[in-house]
Amino acid sequence: IIKMESESKARSNYHVEERKQEHFKERSISSNMKDSTRRRTKIGKRSVNVLKNWLRKNEEYPYPSTQDLEELTVKTRLTGKQIRVWFTNYRNRKFSPKEA
């Protein structure tokens, strides 16, 4: 009887582990699918010109305030997040020191 109980527990543990592995496989597949379907946002020339003009006027401190962001969202028709990401990327590309 004791042997049968231990075999039953071993089978049960095996199935639990098997289900865990399947679960993680499904999660990794679905997360890969999400990553691969995410598209890059292309910002139009008009919007880029508005953002660059703002930068030229604010070269000494190229970080838009909340009020500036609100104005830029109206002018460019972009979201606040898109504008913040654009500024971050632009500063990283243009203001970072060049490596030799």
Protein backbone atom coordinates (compact mmCIF):
# COMPACT_ATOMS: atom_id res chain seq x y z
CA ILE A 1 0.00 0.00 0.00
CA ILE A 2 2.82 2.42 0.92
CA LYS A 3 4.59 1.65 -2.37
CA MET A 4 1.39 2.37 -4.33
CA GLU A 5 0.94 5.71 -2.53
CA SER A 6 4.51 6.81 -3.28
CA GLU A 7 4.11 5.81 -6.96
CA SER A 8 0.88 7.78 -7.11
CA LYS A 9 2.59 10.88 -5.62
CA ALA A 10 5.49 10.53 -8.06
CA ARG A 11 3.06 10.41 -11.02
CA SER A 12 1.16 13.37 -9.64
CA ASN A 13 4.38 15.39 -9.22
CA TYR A 14 5.43 14.46 -12.76
CA HIS A 15 2.13 15.76 -14.15
CA VAL A 16 2.41 18.98 -12.16
CA GLU A 17 5.89 19.58 -13.57
CA GLU A 18 4.68 18.73 -17.06
CA ARG A 19 1.83 21.27 -16.76
CA LYS A 20 4.25 23.94 -15.50
CA GLN A 21 6.52 23.40 -18.50
CA GLU A 22 3.57 23.65 -20.91
CA HIS A 23 2.42 26.84 -19.21
CA PHE A 24 5.85 28.47 -19.56
CA LYS A 25 6.12 27.38 -23.20
CA GLU A 26 2.74 28.99 -23.94
CA ARG A 27 3.75 32.18 -22.16
CA SER A 28 7.03 32.45 -24.03
CA ILE A 29 5.32 31.83 -27.37
CA SER A 30 2.64 34.44 -26.70
CA SER A 31 5.16 37.01 -25.47
CA ASN A 32 7.30 36.46 -28.58
CA MET A 33 4.23 36.96 -30.74
CA LYS A 34 3.43 40.25 -28.99
CA ASP A 35 6.98 41.49 -29.51
CA SER A 36 7.04 40.55 -33.18
CA THR A 37 3.67 42.20 -33.94
CA ARG A 38 4.59 45.50 -32.32
CA ARG A 39 5.10 48.11 -35.00
CA ARG A 40 7.46 51.04 -35.15
CA THR A 41 5.71 54.40 -35.20
CA LYS A 42 6.75 56.65 -38.06
CA ILE A 43 6.47 60.32 -37.19
CA GLY A 44 5.58 62.63 -40.07
CA LYS A 45 7.88 65.33 -41.41
CA ARG A 46 5.56 68.11 -40.24
CA SER A 47 5.62 66.81 -36.67
CA VAL A 48 9.38 66.33 -36.73
CA ASN A 49 9.80 69.92 -37.94
CA VAL A 50 7.64 71.20 -35.06
CA LEU A 51 9.72 69.20 -32.55
CA LYS A 52 13.03 70.32 -34.05
CA ASN A 53 11.89 73.96 -34.05
CA TRP A 54 11.06 73.63 -30.35
CA LEU A 55 14.54 72.18 -29.76
CA ARG A 56 16.26 75.04 -31.61
CA LYS A 57 14.45 77.54 -29.40
CA ASN A 58 15.31 75.58 -26.24
CA GLU A 59 18.86 74.35 -26.91
CA GLU A 60 20.09 75.34 -23.45
CA TYR A 61 17.53 73.09 -21.74
CA PRO A 62 16.08 70.58 -24.25
CA TYR A 63 13.52 69.11 -21.81
CA PRO A 64 9.92 70.20 -22.49
CA SER A 65 7.80 71.10 -19.48
CA THR A 66 4.33 69.66 -18.99
CA GLN A 67 2.86 72.79 -20.57
CA ASP A 68 5.28 72.51 -23.52
CA LEU A 69 4.29 68.87 -23.96
CA GLU A 70 0.61 69.77 -24.04
CA GLU A 71 1.24 72.43 -26.69
CA LEU A 72 3.37 70.04 -28.74
CA THR A 73 0.71 67.32 -28.60
CA VAL A 74 -1.80 69.76 -30.10
CA LYS A 75 0.60 71.00 -32.79
CA THR A 76 1.95 67.57 -33.78
CA ARG A 77 -1.10 65.37 -33.10
CA LEU A 78 1.23 62.94 -31.30
CA THR A 79 0.74 61.52 -27.82
CA GLY A 80 2.74 62.83 -24.90
CA LYS A 81 4.57 59.51 -24.68
CA GLN A 82 5.53 59.63 -28.38
CA ILE A 83 6.92 63.13 -27.90
CA ARG A 84 8.87 62.20 -24.76
CA VAL A 85 10.37 59.17 -26.52
CA TRP A 86 11.26 61.26 -29.57
CA PHE A 87 13.04 63.85 -27.40
CA THR A 88 14.87 61.15 -25.46
CA ASN A 89 16.05 59.46 -28.65
CA TYR A 90 17.02 62.76 -30.25
CA ARG A 91 19.04 63.88 -27.21
CA ASN A 92 20.78 60.50 -27.05
CA ARG A 93 21.72 60.66 -30.72
CA LYS A 94 22.63 64.34 -31.04
CA PHE A 95 23.92 65.38 -27.64
CA SER A 96 25.85 62.31 -26.56
CA PRO A 97 29.64 62.43 -26.99
CA LYS A 98 30.93 60.62 -30.05
CA GLU A 99 33.05 57.53 -29.44
CA ALA A 100 36.37 57.35 -31.29
